[in-house]
Protein backbone atom coordinates (compact mmCIF):
# COMPACT_ATOMS: atom_id res chain seq x y z
CA MET A 1 117.87 98.01 19.91
CA LYS A 2 116.10 101.54 20.20
CA ILE A 3 112.72 99.96 19.93
CA LEU A 4 113.40 97.53 22.67
CA LEU A 5 114.82 100.14 24.84
CA PHE A 6 111.49 102.22 24.06
CA ILE A 7 109.22 98.94 25.11
CA LEU A 8 111.01 98.71 28.47
CA SER A 9 110.80 102.19 29.36
CA ILE A 10 106.93 101.83 28.75
CA LEU A 11 106.87 98.87 30.95
CA LEU A 12 109.01 100.38 33.60
CA ILE A 13 106.36 103.27 34.01
CA ILE A 14 103.38 101.32 33.86
CA SER A 15 105.00 99.17 36.68
CA CYS A 16 105.45 102.23 38.78
CA ASP A 17 101.86 103.07 38.57
CA ALA A 18 100.34 100.02 39.15
CA PRO A 19 98.55 99.12 42.40
CA ARG A 20 100.86 97.45 44.48
CA GLU A 21 98.62 94.25 45.18
CA ASN A 22 101.16 91.59 46.67
CA PRO A 23 100.18 91.13 50.08
CA LEU A 24 103.67 90.42 51.49
CA ASP A 25 104.62 94.01 50.12
CA PRO A 26 105.12 95.95 53.16
CA ASN A 27 104.22 98.88 50.97
CA GLY A 28 101.51 97.27 49.26
CA ASP A 29 97.93 98.09 49.50
CA ASN A 30 96.90 95.05 50.41
CA TYR A 31 99.71 94.26 53.18
CA LYS A 32 98.32 92.15 55.82
CA PHE A 33 100.65 92.57 58.55
CA TYR A 34 101.02 95.44 60.80
CA SER A 35 103.36 96.58 63.66
CA ILE A 36 103.16 97.85 67.52
CA GLN A 37 105.89 99.48 69.33
CA GLY A 38 106.30 101.55 72.36
CA TYR A 39 107.80 101.70 76.11
CA VAL A 40 106.74 100.61 79.57
CA LYS A 41 107.78 102.62 82.36
CA THR A 42 107.23 103.36 86.03
CA GLN A 43 104.04 105.50 87.02
CA THR A 44 105.48 107.75 89.60
CA GLY A 45 107.96 110.50 88.50
CA PRO A 46 110.37 110.78 87.06
CA PRO A 47 109.34 107.70 85.15
CA GLN A 48 111.95 104.76 84.80
CA PRO A 49 112.12 102.16 82.03
CA ILE A 50 111.17 98.98 82.87
CA GLU A 51 113.06 96.18 81.71
CA ASN A 52 111.52 92.41 80.86
CA ALA A 53 108.20 93.17 81.07
CA ILE A 54 106.22 90.87 79.27
CA VAL A 55 104.24 92.10 76.19
CA THR A 56 101.43 90.30 74.80
CA TRP A 57 99.32 90.94 71.55
CA GLY A 58 96.08 89.31 72.12
CA ALA A 59 94.84 88.48 68.51
CA ASP A 60 98.06 86.46 67.69
CA ALA A 61 98.93 85.44 71.06
CA LYS A 62 102.39 86.82 70.29
CA ILE A 63 105.04 87.54 73.27
CA THR A 64 107.75 89.73 73.59
CA TYR A 65 109.78 91.62 76.26
CA THR A 66 111.08 95.17 76.78
CA ASN A 67 114.82 95.57 76.65
CA ALA A 68 116.71 97.76 79.01
CA GLU A 69 115.24 101.11 77.97
CA GLY A 70 111.73 99.63 78.42
CA PHE A 71 111.21 99.73 74.45
CA PHE A 72 109.60 96.88 72.88
CA ARG A 73 108.42 96.15 69.15
CA ILE A 74 106.07 93.38 67.56
CA ASP A 75 105.97 93.11 63.99
CA ASN A 76 103.73 91.14 61.54
CA VAL A 77 100.69 91.72 63.64
CA ASN A 78 97.36 90.51 62.32
CA PRO A 79 95.49 94.07 62.47
CA VAL A 80 92.46 92.45 64.48
CA ASN A 81 91.13 94.88 66.91
CA ASP A 82 92.02 93.38 70.26
CA TYR A 83 94.29 94.16 73.71
CA LEU A 84 97.59 94.62 74.11
CA ILE A 85 98.68 93.63 77.38
CA VAL A 86 101.80 94.11 79.65
CA GLU A 87 102.65 92.77 82.85
CA LYS A 88 105.85 92.76 85.39
CA SER A 89 106.17 91.15 88.54
CA GLY A 90 105.81 93.81 91.46
CA PHE A 91 103.39 95.50 89.22
CA LEU A 92 99.65 95.91 88.39
CA LYS A 93 98.92 94.64 84.70
CA ASP A 94 97.92 97.26 82.13
CA SER A 95 96.48 96.57 78.64
CA ASN A 96 95.34 98.90 75.94
CA TYR A 97 92.45 97.85 73.46
CA ILE A 98 94.11 98.46 69.98
CA ASN A 99 91.89 99.81 66.91
CA TRP A 100 93.88 99.48 63.89
CA VAL A 101 93.67 102.96 62.33
CA ARG A 102 96.93 102.81 60.81
CA ARG A 103 99.68 99.82 60.28
CA ASN A 104 102.10 101.21 62.65
CA ILE A 105 100.77 102.08 66.28
CA SER A 106 103.30 103.32 69.41
CA VAL A 107 101.77 103.20 73.04
CA GLU A 108 103.12 104.00 76.12
CA TYR A 109 102.54 102.38 79.53
CA PHE A 110 103.02 103.34 82.68
CA LEU A 111 102.93 100.65 85.51
CA ASN A 112 101.84 101.21 89.27
CA SER A 113 104.30 99.56 91.60
CA ILE A 114 102.68 96.78 94.09
CA PRO A 115 103.80 97.45 97.44
CA GLU A 116 106.35 94.73 98.33
CA LEU A 117 105.52 92.85 101.48
CA THR A 118 108.46 91.53 103.50
CA GLU A 119 107.07 90.28 106.61
CA PHE A 120 103.38 89.68 107.72
CA ASN A 121 102.96 88.22 111.21
CA ILE A 122 99.76 87.40 113.35
CA TYR A 123 100.01 86.32 116.86
CA SER A 124 97.82 86.19 119.92
CA GLU A 125 98.41 87.14 123.90
CA TYR A 126 96.57 85.45 126.63
CA GLU A 127 97.22 87.28 129.58
CA ASN A 128 95.93 85.31 132.89
CA ASN A 129 94.83 87.53 135.91
CA TYR A 130 92.44 86.99 139.25
CA THR A 131 89.24 87.51 137.45
CA LEU A 132 87.11 85.32 135.18
CA ASN A 133 87.93 87.28 132.01
CA PRO A 134 91.68 86.84 130.95
CA ARG A 135 92.84 89.76 129.02
CA THR A 136 92.96 88.58 125.43
CA ARG A 137 94.45 90.21 122.11
CA ILE A 138 95.26 89.38 118.28
CA PHE A 139 97.97 91.47 117.20
CA PHE A 140 98.70 91.70 113.04
CA GLU A 141 101.99 93.25 112.23
CA ALA A 142 103.34 94.10 108.31
CA VAL A 143 106.41 95.52 106.98
CA VAL A 144 105.96 96.80 103.59
CA ASN A 145 108.35 98.04 101.04
CA ASP A 146 106.04 101.08 99.32
CA ARG A 147 108.45 102.04 96.27
CA GLU A 148 106.57 104.62 94.91
CA GLY A 149 105.45 106.16 97.91
CA ASP A 150 101.74 106.23 97.09
CA LEU A 151 100.60 103.57 99.71
CA ASP A 152 97.50 105.16 101.37
CA SER A 153 96.61 102.52 103.97
CA LEU A 154 96.85 98.84 105.00
CA TYR A 155 93.70 96.52 106.02
CA ILE A 156 93.63 93.09 107.19
CA ALA A 157 90.32 91.18 106.16
CA ASN A 158 88.75 88.07 106.41
CA GLU A 159 85.50 87.66 104.58
CA ASP A 160 84.08 84.38 106.19
CA LEU A 161 84.30 86.49 109.32
CA LYS A 162 83.29 89.83 107.98
CA ILE A 163 86.16 91.27 109.57
CA LYS A 164 88.10 94.27 107.69
CA LYS A 165 90.27 96.35 110.11
CA LEU A 166 92.97 99.41 109.43
CA LEU A 167 96.45 99.10 110.25
CA GLU A 168 98.13 101.77 112.05
CA ARG A 169 101.28 103.21 110.13
CA LYS A 170 104.12 103.22 112.65
CA THR A 171 106.76 104.28 110.15
CA PHE A 172 107.04 104.33 106.61
CA SER A 173 107.17 100.64 106.53
CA LEU A 174 105.81 99.23 109.68
CA PHE A 175 102.32 98.88 110.02
CA ASP A 176 100.40 97.13 113.03
CA ALA A 177 97.27 97.11 115.34
CA SER A 178 95.88 94.75 117.94
CA PHE A 179 92.13 93.99 118.67
CA SER A 180 90.32 92.45 121.38
CA GLN A 181 87.99 89.42 120.93
CA ALA A 182 85.13 91.98 121.47
CA SER A 183 86.21 94.22 118.84
CA LEU A 184 86.35 91.40 116.20
CA GLY A 185 82.74 90.42 116.95
CA ILE A 186 84.09 86.73 118.34
CA ASN A 187 83.91 85.01 121.32
CA SER A 188 87.22 83.56 121.87
CA LEU A 189 90.69 83.93 119.92
CA GLU A 190 90.59 80.34 119.37
CA GLU A 191 87.85 81.12 116.44
CA LEU A 192 90.57 82.67 114.58
CA ILE A 193 93.29 79.66 114.54
CA GLY A 194 94.05 78.72 110.98
CA LYS A 195 91.94 81.29 109.39
CA GLU A 196 93.47 83.08 106.62
CA PHE A 197 93.75 86.91 106.73
CA HIS A 198 94.52 88.89 103.89
CA LEU A 199 96.62 92.07 103.81
CA ILE A 200 94.90 94.59 101.43
CA ALA A 201 96.94 97.60 100.13
CA LEU A 202 95.09 100.70 99.35
CA ASP A 203 96.94 103.25 97.25
CA LYS A 204 96.43 106.92 96.85
CA SER A 205 94.45 106.52 93.48
CA GLY A 206 91.97 104.44 95.42
CA LYS A 207 93.14 100.94 93.91
CA GLU A 208 92.81 98.11 96.25
CA TYR A 209 95.08 94.78 95.78
CA SER A 210 95.87 91.67 98.11
CA ILE A 211 99.67 91.65 98.73
CA GLY A 212 99.95 88.68 100.98
CA ASN A 213 98.20 86.61 103.66
CA SER A 214 98.67 84.96 107.14
CA ASN A 215 96.91 83.30 109.60
CA LEU A 216 97.19 82.66 113.50
CA LYS A 217 98.82 79.74 114.70
CA ARG A 218 97.86 79.15 118.22
CA VAL A 219 96.29 80.78 121.55
CA ILE A 220 98.55 79.72 124.57
CA ARG A 221 95.96 79.44 127.60
CA GLN A 222 98.09 77.39 129.75
CA GLU A 223 98.91 78.96 132.54
CA ILE A 224 102.68 79.35 134.23
CA GLU A 225 102.34 78.89 137.95
CA PHE A 226 104.96 81.37 139.65
CA ILE A 227 106.64 79.72 142.96
CA SER A 228 108.20 82.66 144.86
CA PRO A 229 107.81 85.99 145.61
CA ALA A 230 104.08 85.38 145.53
CA THR A 231 102.63 88.08 147.63
CA LEU A 232 103.02 91.69 149.42
CA LEU A 233 104.02 89.54 152.38
CA ASP A 234 107.17 88.44 150.72
CA THR A 235 109.87 90.81 151.02
CA VAL A 236 113.23 90.38 148.75
CA SER A 237 116.52 91.70 148.36
CA THR A 238 116.77 94.46 145.73
CA GLN A 239 117.87 91.77 143.03
CA PRO A 240 115.15 88.98 143.77
CA ASN A 241 115.59 85.52 142.32
CA LEU A 242 112.09 85.01 140.70
CA ARG A 243 111.04 81.04 140.59
CA TRP A 244 108.35 79.57 138.69
CA ARG A 245 107.15 75.52 138.19
CA ARG A 246 108.33 73.90 135.22
CA PHE A 247 106.06 74.60 132.09
CA GLN A 248 105.88 71.68 129.58
CA PRO A 249 103.00 72.81 126.86
CA GLY A 250 104.28 70.59 124.13
CA PHE A 251 105.34 73.02 122.10
CA LYS A 252 108.85 74.95 121.07
CA PHE A 253 109.07 78.39 123.42
CA GLU A 254 110.93 80.48 125.65
CA TYR A 255 110.34 82.71 128.51
CA THR A 256 110.29 86.21 129.07
CA VAL A 257 110.02 87.72 132.64
CA ARG A 258 108.85 91.46 133.44
CA VAL A 259 108.94 93.19 136.72
CA PHE A 260 106.25 96.00 137.46
CA GLU A 261 106.25 98.92 140.24
CA ASN A 262 102.66 98.80 141.33
CA LEU A 263 101.89 102.18 140.42
CA THR A 264 98.94 103.76 138.41
CA PRO A 265 99.36 102.57 135.54
CA PRO A 266 102.05 100.23 136.39
CA GLU A 267 105.78 101.19 135.41
CA LEU A 268 107.67 98.25 133.90
CA ARG A 269 111.18 98.24 136.03
CA TRP A 270 113.10 95.40 134.35
CA GLU A 271 112.57 92.84 131.77
CA ARG A 272 114.55 89.53 130.56
CA SER A 273 113.55 87.71 127.02
CA GLY A 274 114.94 84.65 125.46
CA ILE A 275 115.10 82.53 128.67
CA SER A 276 115.45 78.81 127.58
CA SER A 277 112.30 76.64 128.40
CA ASP A 278 114.45 74.65 130.32
CA SER A 279 114.94 77.22 133.16
CA ILE A 280 112.52 77.62 136.20
CA SER A 281 114.28 80.84 137.72
CA VAL A 282 115.80 84.02 136.96
CA LYS A 283 117.77 87.01 138.97
CA VAL A 284 116.91 90.41 138.50
CA ASN A 285 120.41 91.94 137.68
CA VAL A 286 119.20 95.56 137.95
CA PRO A 287 118.82 96.67 141.54
CA LEU A 288 115.07 97.54 142.43
CA GLN A 289 114.39 100.95 144.67
CA PRO A 290 112.89 99.45 148.11
CA ASN A 291 109.23 100.50 147.98
CA THR A 292 107.32 99.98 150.98
CA THR A 293 104.05 101.18 150.04
CA GLN A 294 102.74 99.56 146.59
CA GLY A 295 105.72 97.30 145.95
CA TYR A 296 105.94 95.01 143.03
CA TYR A 297 104.74 92.59 140.89
CA TRP A 298 106.36 90.16 138.18
CA VAL A 299 104.82 88.00 135.26
CA VAL A 300 106.42 85.46 133.42
CA TRP A 301 105.30 84.58 129.87
CA CYS A 302 105.82 81.48 127.40
CA VAL A 303 106.42 82.61 123.97
CA ASP A 304 106.52 80.52 121.12
CA GLU A 305 108.27 80.58 117.62
CA PHE A 306 105.10 82.43 116.07
CA ASN A 307 105.55 84.87 119.11
CA ASN A 308 102.07 83.64 120.70
CA LYS A 309 102.19 84.87 124.53
CA GLY A 310 100.70 83.16 127.46
CA SER A 311 101.39 84.32 130.93
CA SER A 312 101.39 83.64 134.51
CA LYS A 313 99.07 85.66 136.85
CA PRO A 314 100.98 88.55 138.69
CA ALA A 315 102.79 87.82 141.70
CA SER A 316 103.67 90.80 144.37
CA PHE A 317 106.66 91.15 146.63
CA ARG A 318 108.17 94.28 148.32
CA VAL A 319 111.65 95.37 148.19
CA LYS A 320 113.81 95.82 151.71
């Protein structure tokens, strides 16, 4: 019995000192599988954990997701040097090249939030007058949610037309700008119909990315014809009735009517929008002051469902 115990003790000592060559033994010298773990957070401070970010290990195409704390772990990784990729909707994708210098690697990612585009409108304005050159403009309006506050500027761009223009920041989230056809290097606004304009965001680190696109749907060249009042020879009451000919352009629209005092520059005195397309007149419901020198003028606009506008020529009158 004593001899048997002695032999077992010797074997136990030998087994403890022997090399651990089993490739499935996590503590073995030949263990083939390693692990990666880490956290994914927002870039700007204080960093917040990002839940449900997709984490992909390239060599094995293994995928996992971050938990509520932004933590992830991938076990049984084949230790081939490759990229670990992290992505989440609303954030820029990020990646690290993993060089296996040890079996267990910890990493941390800080993802940059992409500004969220909530609205992007493009529309035209065609203002008829008494010259051979109607006043035409194209308007760009964008509403952007800049969650991290690192948005530097917004551009509109069309590569085919070689157009790239800066939008002006009106408020924290509203950007807009308008351009003449000459400033865009085109001969007519019709050249822009259906052409995709991309909205390019530039953040404070200098990164550029496209956050949306839209296009111009229509240019309203058809002219609305006014009836009365029409000239400075027409003298009306302080609350005149403004009349025009029925307008049938073949698409859905509403009217907007504006009255200006003919000063330098003209001053808007009254406006009514949302007038039914079935209407052919509107009454000014705010008294206009009698003006025997400069007089007034009014313009009626057609406004379609995309906010494209086309106008009548201005019609003048006096108030008695």
